Amino acid sequence: MKTVHMVAFLVLVVGGLNWLALGLFQWEIGDLFGGSADAVSRTIYIIIGLAAVYELFTHKSNCRECSSGGQM
């Protein structure tokens, strides 16, 4: 499950960088693949969304900081 966690984390980082680029430069990663309406771009966005859902439900059990019960 560590591999799945790391892939989901990497995909979330890409998604976060996409949001940063959109906010700062009004440019999306999906523009490289024909815009957000294109099937490839939509597939990428779906994968990023699924990674976020996966991390939402599994992060606490996968993260050493969260599972140790330590305080922030």
PDB file of N, CA and C in Angstrom:
ATOM      1  N   MET A   1       0.816  -1.198   0.000  1.00  0.00           N
ATOM      2  CA  MET A   1       0.000   0.000   0.000  1.00  0.00           C
ATOM      3  C   MET A   1       0.861   1.264   0.000  1.00  0.00           C
ATOM      4  N   LYS A   2       2.140   1.130   0.376  1.00  0.00           N
ATOM      5  CA  LYS A   2       3.006   2.302   0.373  1.00  0.00           C
ATOM      6  C   LYS A   2       3.140   2.873  -1.035  1.00  0.00           C
ATOM      7  N   THR A   3       3.228   2.007  -2.036  1.00  0.00           N
ATOM      8  CA  THR A   3       3.361   2.474  -3.414  1.00  0.00           C
ATOM      9  C   THR A   3       2.119   3.248  -3.837  1.00  0.00           C
ATOM     10  N   VAL A   4       0.942   2.735  -3.505  1.00  0.00           N
ATOM     11  CA  VAL A   4      -0.306   3.428  -3.847  1.00  0.00           C
ATOM     12  C   VAL A   4      -0.350   4.785  -3.154  1.00  0.00           C
ATOM     13  N   HIS A   5       0.043   4.817  -1.884  1.00  0.00           N
ATOM     14  CA  HIS A   5       0.070   6.075  -1.133  1.00  0.00           C
ATOM     15  C   HIS A   5       1.009   7.081  -1.792  1.00  0.00           C
ATOM     16  N   MET A   6       2.202   6.640  -2.183  1.00  0.00           N
ATOM     17  CA  MET A   6       3.170   7.544  -2.793  1.00  0.00           C
ATOM     18  C   MET A   6       2.700   8.049  -4.158  1.00  0.00           C
ATOM     19  N   VAL A   7       2.077   7.185  -4.936  1.00  0.00           N
ATOM     20  CA  VAL A   7       1.540   7.612  -6.232  1.00  0.00           C
ATOM     21  C   VAL A   7       0.419   8.629  -6.025  1.00  0.00           C
ATOM     22  N   ALA A   8      -0.477   8.356  -5.084  1.00  0.00           N
ATOM     23  CA  ALA A   8      -1.568   9.290  -4.806  1.00  0.00           C
ATOM     24  C   ALA A   8      -1.011  10.630  -4.324  1.00  0.00           C
ATOM     25  N   PHE A   9       0.014  10.590  -3.491  1.00  0.00           N
ATOM     26  CA  PHE A   9       0.622  11.828  -3.000  1.00  0.00           C
ATOM     27  C   PHE A   9       1.242  12.607  -4.158  1.00  0.00           C
ATOM     28  N   LEU A  10       1.966  11.922  -5.040  1.00  0.00           N
ATOM     29  CA  LEU A  10       2.584  12.579  -6.183  1.00  0.00           C
ATOM     30  C   LEU A  10       1.526  13.200  -7.098  1.00  0.00           C
ATOM     31  N   VAL A  11       0.448  12.482  -7.324  1.00  0.00           N
ATOM     32  CA  VAL A  11      -0.636  13.000  -8.163  1.00  0.00           C
ATOM     33  C   VAL A  11      -1.262  14.238  -7.510  1.00  0.00           C
ATOM     34  N   LEU A  12      -1.405  14.226  -6.186  1.00  0.00           N
ATOM     35  CA  LEU A  12      -1.946  15.395  -5.496  1.00  0.00           C
ATOM     36  C   LEU A  12      -1.005  16.592  -5.591  1.00  0.00           C
ATOM     37  N   VAL A  13       0.293  16.356  -5.567  1.00  0.00           N
ATOM     38  CA  VAL A  13       1.250  17.443  -5.744  1.00  0.00           C
ATOM     39  C   VAL A  13       1.099  18.046  -7.138  1.00  0.00           C
ATOM     40  N   VAL A  14       0.970  17.198  -8.154  1.00  0.00           N
ATOM     41  CA  VAL A  14       0.758  17.702  -9.516  1.00  0.00           C
ATOM     42  C   VAL A  14      -0.530  18.523  -9.569  1.00  0.00           C
ATOM     43  N   GLY A  15      -1.576  18.028  -8.928  1.00  0.00           N
ATOM     44  CA  GLY A  15      -2.837  18.770  -8.897  1.00  0.00           C
ATOM     45  C   GLY A  15      -2.690  20.106  -8.191  1.00  0.00           C
ATOM     46  N   GLY A  16      -1.945  20.113  -7.098  1.00  0.00           N
ATOM     47  CA  GLY A  16      -1.715  21.372  -6.384  1.00  0.00           C
ATOM     48  C   GLY A  16      -0.924  22.364  -7.215  1.00  0.00           C
ATOM     49  N   LEU A  17       0.085  21.877  -7.921  1.00  0.00           N
ATOM     50  CA  LEU A  17       0.852  22.754  -8.798  1.00  0.00           C
ATOM     51  C   LEU A  17      -0.004  23.284  -9.938  1.00  0.00           C
ATOM     52  N   ASN A  18      -0.941  22.469 -10.407  1.00  0.00           N
ATOM     53  CA  ASN A  18      -1.869  22.917 -11.438  1.00  0.00           C
ATOM     54  C   ASN A  18      -2.724  24.070 -10.914  1.00  0.00           C
ATOM     55  N   TRP A  19      -3.235  23.936  -9.699  1.00  0.00           N
ATOM     56  CA  TRP A  19      -4.037  25.011  -9.107  1.00  0.00           C
ATOM     57  C   TRP A  19      -3.196  26.272  -8.907  1.00  0.00           C
ATOM     58  N   LEU A  20      -1.934  26.108  -8.509  1.00  0.00           N
ATOM     59  CA  LEU A  20      -1.046  27.259  -8.353  1.00  0.00           C
ATOM     60  C   LEU A  20      -0.834  27.960  -9.693  1.00  0.00           C
ATOM     61  N   ALA A  21      -0.562  27.184 -10.741  1.00  0.00           N
ATOM     62  CA  ALA A  21      -0.377  27.766 -12.070  1.00  0.00           C
ATOM     63  C   ALA A  21      -1.644  28.451 -12.556  1.00  0.00           C
ATOM     64  N   LEU A  22      -2.781  27.870 -12.258  1.00  0.00           N
ATOM     65  CA  LEU A  22      -4.054  28.477 -12.661  1.00  0.00           C
ATOM     66  C   LEU A  22      -4.268  29.797 -11.930  1.00  0.00           C
ATOM     67  N   GLY A  23      -4.003  29.805 -10.632  1.00  0.00           N
ATOM     68  CA  GLY A  23      -4.202  31.024  -9.852  1.00  0.00           C
ATOM     69  C   GLY A  23      -3.237  32.139 -10.201  1.00  0.00           C
ATOM     70  N   LEU A  24      -1.972  31.778 -10.432  1.00  0.00           N
ATOM     71  CA  LEU A  24      -0.969  32.803 -10.703  1.00  0.00           C
ATOM     72  C   LEU A  24      -0.922  33.243 -12.161  1.00  0.00           C
ATOM     73  N   PHE A  25      -1.058  32.282 -13.065  1.00  0.00           N
ATOM     74  CA  PHE A  25      -0.808  32.570 -14.477  1.00  0.00           C
ATOM     75  C   PHE A  25      -2.001  32.319 -15.381  1.00  0.00           C
ATOM     76  N   GLN A  26      -3.124  31.865 -14.819  1.00  0.00           N
ATOM     77  CA  GLN A  26      -4.312  31.508 -15.587  1.00  0.00           C
ATOM     78  C   GLN A  26      -3.973  30.485 -16.674  1.00  0.00           C
ATOM     79  N   TRP A  27      -3.162  29.490 -16.294  1.00  0.00           N
ATOM     80  CA  TRP A  27      -2.729  28.423 -17.193  1.00  0.00           C
ATOM     81  C   TRP A  27      -2.924  27.087 -16.495  1.00  0.00           C
ATOM     82  N   GLU A  28      -3.420  26.091 -17.208  1.00  0.00           N
ATOM     83  CA  GLU A  28      -3.655  24.769 -16.640  1.00  0.00           C
ATOM     84  C   GLU A  28      -2.800  23.720 -17.337  1.00  0.00           C
ATOM     85  N   ILE A  29      -2.449  22.677 -16.588  1.00  0.00           N
ATOM     86  CA  ILE A  29      -1.710  21.564 -17.171  1.00  0.00           C
ATOM     87  C   ILE A  29      -2.519  20.935 -18.308  1.00  0.00           C
ATOM     88  N   GLY A  30      -3.832  20.937 -18.181  1.00  0.00           N
ATOM     89  CA  GLY A  30      -4.694  20.367 -19.209  1.00  0.00           C
ATOM     90  C   GLY A  30      -4.560  21.054 -20.560  1.00  0.00           C
ATOM     91  N   ASP A  31      -4.067  22.303 -20.553  1.00  0.00           N
ATOM     92  CA  ASP A  31      -3.867  23.007 -21.817  1.00  0.00           C
ATOM     93  C   ASP A  31      -2.819  22.316 -22.693  1.00  0.00           C
ATOM     94  N   LEU A  32      -1.908  21.581 -22.062  1.00  0.00           N
ATOM     95  CA  LEU A  32      -0.901  20.840 -22.837  1.00  0.00           C
ATOM     96  C   LEU A  32      -1.528  19.714 -23.655  1.00  0.00           C
ATOM     97  N   PHE A  33      -2.701  19.257 -23.226  1.00  0.00           N
ATOM     98  CA  PHE A  33      -3.354  18.107 -23.860  1.00  0.00           C
ATOM     99  C   PHE A  33      -4.632  18.497 -24.585  1.00  0.00           C
ATOM    100  N   GLY A  34      -4.769  19.750 -24.967  1.00  0.00           N
ATOM    101  CA  GLY A  34      -5.900  20.168 -25.767  1.00  0.00           C
ATOM    102  C   GLY A  34      -6.984  20.910 -25.006  1.00  0.00           C
ATOM    103  N   GLY A  35      -6.728  21.309 -23.784  1.00  0.00           N
ATOM    104  CA  GLY A  35      -7.706  22.052 -23.009  1.00  0.00           C
ATOM    105  C   GLY A  35      -8.524  21.149 -22.108  1.00  0.00           C
ATOM    106  N   SER A  36      -9.249  21.778 -21.195  1.00  0.00           N
ATOM    107  CA  SER A  36      -9.968  21.013 -20.169  1.00  0.00           C
ATOM    108  C   SER A  36     -11.143  20.211 -20.716  1.00  0.00           C
ATOM    109  N   ALA A  37     -11.600  20.500 -21.925  1.00  0.00           N
ATOM    110  CA  ALA A  37     -12.719  19.748 -22.501  1.00  0.00           C
ATOM    111  C   ALA A  37     -12.254  18.472 -23.203  1.00  0.00           C
ATOM    112  N   ASP A  38     -10.957  18.358 -23.478  1.00  0.00           N
ATOM    113  CA  ASP A  38     -10.418  17.193 -24.179  1.00  0.00           C
ATOM    114  C   ASP A  38     -10.435  15.969 -23.261  1.00  0.00           C
ATOM    115  N   ALA A  39     -10.601  14.798 -23.845  1.00  0.00           N
ATOM    116  CA  ALA A  39     -10.723  13.550 -23.070  1.00  0.00           C
ATOM    117  C   ALA A  39      -9.468  13.260 -22.247  1.00  0.00           C
ATOM    118  N   VAL A  40      -8.286  13.531 -22.793  1.00  0.00           N
ATOM    119  CA  VAL A  40      -7.048  13.274 -22.048  1.00  0.00           C
ATOM    120  C   VAL A  40      -6.982  14.165 -20.809  1.00  0.00           C
ATOM    121  N   SER A  41      -7.293  15.427 -20.965  1.00  0.00           N
ATOM    122  CA  SER A  41      -7.281  16.350 -19.826  1.00  0.00           C
ATOM    123  C   SER A  41      -8.312  15.943 -18.786  1.00  0.00           C
ATOM    124  N   ARG A  42      -9.488  15.586 -19.227  1.00  0.00           N
ATOM    125  CA  ARG A  42     -10.529  15.160 -18.278  1.00  0.00           C
ATOM    126  C   ARG A  42     -10.092  13.915 -17.523  1.00  0.00           C
ATOM    127  N   THR A  43      -9.423  12.989 -18.217  1.00  0.00           N
ATOM    128  CA  THR A  43      -8.923  11.783 -17.557  1.00  0.00           C
ATOM    129  C   THR A  43      -7.886  12.141 -16.495  1.00  0.00           C
ATOM    130  N   ILE A  44      -6.983  13.061 -16.818  1.00  0.00           N
ATOM    131  CA  ILE A  44      -5.985  13.506 -15.843  1.00  0.00           C
ATOM    132  C   ILE A  44      -6.669  14.120 -14.626  1.00  0.00           C
ATOM    133  N   TYR A  45      -7.653  14.963 -14.841  1.00  0.00           N
ATOM    134  CA  TYR A  45      -8.368  15.596 -13.726  1.00  0.00           C
ATOM    135  C   TYR A  45      -9.115  14.552 -12.888  1.00  0.00           C
ATOM    136  N   ILE A  46      -9.675  13.545 -13.518  1.00  0.00           N
ATOM    137  CA  ILE A  46     -10.364  12.476 -12.781  1.00  0.00           C
ATOM    138  C   ILE A  46      -9.368  11.703 -11.925  1.00  0.00           C
ATOM    139  N   ILE A  47      -8.188  11.399 -12.473  1.00  0.00           N
ATOM    140  CA  ILE A  47      -7.166  10.686 -11.698  1.00  0.00           C
ATOM    141  C   ILE A  47      -6.731  11.516 -10.496  1.00  0.00           C
ATOM    142  N   ILE A  48      -6.538  12.812 -10.677  1.00  0.00           N
ATOM    143  CA  ILE A  48      -6.161  13.684  -9.566  1.00  0.00           C
ATOM    144  C   ILE A  48      -7.262  13.710  -8.514  1.00  0.00           C
ATOM    145  N   GLY A  49      -8.506  13.773  -8.942  1.00  0.00           N
ATOM    146  CA  GLY A  49      -9.627  13.756  -8.000  1.00  0.00           C
ATOM    147  C   GLY A  49      -9.725  12.448  -7.238  1.00  0.00           C
ATOM    148  N   LEU A  50      -9.513  11.334  -7.920  1.00  0.00           N
ATOM    149  CA  LEU A  50      -9.546  10.029  -7.255  1.00  0.00           C
ATOM    150  C   LEU A  50      -8.400   9.902  -6.252  1.00  0.00           C
ATOM    151  N   ALA A  51      -7.234  10.451  -6.590  1.00  0.00           N
ATOM    152  CA  ALA A  51      -6.114  10.436  -5.650  1.00  0.00           C
ATOM    153  C   ALA A  51      -6.449  11.239  -4.403  1.00  0.00           C
ATOM    154  N   ALA A  52      -7.129  12.358  -4.580  1.00  0.00           N
ATOM    155  CA  ALA A  52      -7.530  13.170  -3.432  1.00  0.00           C
ATOM    156  C   ALA A  52      -8.518  12.423  -2.539  1.00  0.00           C
ATOM    157  N   VAL A  53      -9.474  11.743  -3.138  1.00  0.00           N
ATOM    158  CA  VAL A  53     -10.445  10.964  -2.358  1.00  0.00           C
ATOM    159  C   VAL A  53      -9.728   9.837  -1.617  1.00  0.00           C
ATOM    160  N   TYR A  54      -8.813   9.156  -2.293  1.00  0.00           N
ATOM    161  CA  TYR A  54      -8.048   8.084  -1.659  1.00  0.00           C
ATOM    162  C   TYR A  54      -7.275   8.619  -0.451  1.00  0.00           C
ATOM    163  N   GLU A  55      -6.567   9.723  -0.629  1.00  0.00           N
ATOM    164  CA  GLU A  55      -5.793  10.298   0.476  1.00  0.00           C
ATOM    165  C   GLU A  55      -6.694  10.779   1.602  1.00  0.00           C
ATOM    166  N   LEU A  56      -7.845  11.304   1.263  1.00  0.00           N
ATOM    167  CA  LEU A  56      -8.788  11.769   2.279  1.00  0.00           C
ATOM    168  C   LEU A  56      -9.165  10.646   3.233  1.00  0.00           C
ATOM    169  N   PHE A  57      -9.384   9.453   2.700  1.00  0.00           N
ATOM    170  CA  PHE A  57      -9.834   8.340   3.528  1.00  0.00           C
ATOM    171  C   PHE A  57      -8.705   7.490   4.109  1.00  0.00           C
ATOM    172  N   THR A  58      -7.494   7.583   3.561  1.00  0.00           N
ATOM    173  CA  THR A  58      -6.422   6.708   4.043  1.00  0.00           C
ATOM    174  C   THR A  58      -5.238   7.450   4.641  1.00  0.00           C
ATOM    175  N   HIS A  59      -5.215   8.749   4.580  1.00  0.00           N
ATOM    176  CA  HIS A  59      -4.035   9.504   4.994  1.00  0.00           C
ATOM    177  C   HIS A  59      -3.640   9.245   6.445  1.00  0.00           C
ATOM    178  N   LYS A  60      -4.589   9.274   7.335  1.00  0.00           N
ATOM    179  CA  LYS A  60      -4.253   9.139   8.754  1.00  0.00           C
ATOM    180  C   LYS A  60      -3.567   7.808   9.048  1.00  0.00           C
ATOM    181  N   SER A  61      -4.008   6.743   8.411  1.00  0.00           N
ATOM    182  CA  SER A  61      -3.384   5.444   8.664  1.00  0.00           C
ATOM    183  C   SER A  61      -2.043   5.293   7.945  1.00  0.00           C
ATOM    184  N   ASN A  62      -1.803   6.068   6.888  1.00  0.00           N
ATOM    185  CA  ASN A  62      -0.552   5.983   6.129  1.00  0.00           C
ATOM    186  C   ASN A  62       0.514   6.965   6.599  1.00  0.00           C
ATOM    187  N   CYS A  63       0.126   8.010   7.292  1.00  0.00           N
ATOM    188  CA  CYS A  63       1.040   9.090   7.658  1.00  0.00           C
ATOM    189  C   CYS A  63       1.588   8.870   9.072  1.00  0.00           C
ATOM    190  N   ARG A  64       2.894   8.850   9.196  1.00  0.00           N
ATOM    191  CA  ARG A  64       3.513   8.653  10.518  1.00  0.00           C
ATOM    192  C   ARG A  64       3.146   9.775  11.476  1.00  0.00           C
ATOM    193  N   GLU A  65       3.124  10.996  11.001  1.00  0.00           N
ATOM    194  CA  GLU A  65       2.789  12.144  11.849  1.00  0.00           C
ATOM    195  C   GLU A  65       1.344  12.063  12.354  1.00  0.00           C
ATOM    196  N   CYS A  66       0.436  11.723  11.464  1.00  0.00           N
ATOM    197  CA  CYS A  66      -0.973  11.668  11.852  1.00  0.00           C
ATOM    198  C   CYS A  66      -1.279  10.449  12.730  1.00  0.00           C
ATOM    199  N   SER A  67      -0.675   9.323  12.423  1.00  0.00           N
ATOM    200  CA  SER A  67      -1.001   8.100  13.167  1.00  0.00           C
ATOM    201  C   SER A  67      -0.311   8.043  14.524  1.00  0.00           C
ATOM    202  N   SER A  68       0.731   8.848  14.737  1.00  0.00           N
ATOM    203  CA  SER A  68       1.428   8.829  16.028  1.00  0.00           C
ATOM    204  C   SER A  68       0.657   9.568  17.102  1.00  0.00           C
ATOM    205  N   GLY A  69      -0.319  10.364  16.714  1.00  0.00           N
ATOM    206  CA  GLY A  69      -1.092  11.121  17.695  1.00  0.00           C
ATOM    207  C   GLY A  69      -0.363  12.342  18.209  1.00  0.00           C
ATOM    208  N   GLY A  70       0.746  12.698  17.579  1.00  0.00           N
ATOM    209  CA  GLY A  70       1.513  13.864  17.991  1.00  0.00           C
ATOM    210  C   GLY A  70       0.762  15.150  17.703  1.00  0.00           C
ATOM    211  N   GLN A  71       1.135  16.184  18.414  1.00  0.00           N
ATOM    212  CA  GLN A  71       0.481  17.464  18.221  1.00  0.00           C
ATOM    213  C   GLN A  71       1.264  18.279  17.205  1.00  0.00           C
ATOM    214  N   MET A  72       0.550  19.148  16.518  1.00  0.00           N
ATOM    215  CA  MET A  72       1.160  20.000  15.497  1.00  0.00           C
ATOM    216  C   MET A  72       1.872  21.156  16.140  1.00  0.00           C
TER     217      MET A  72
END
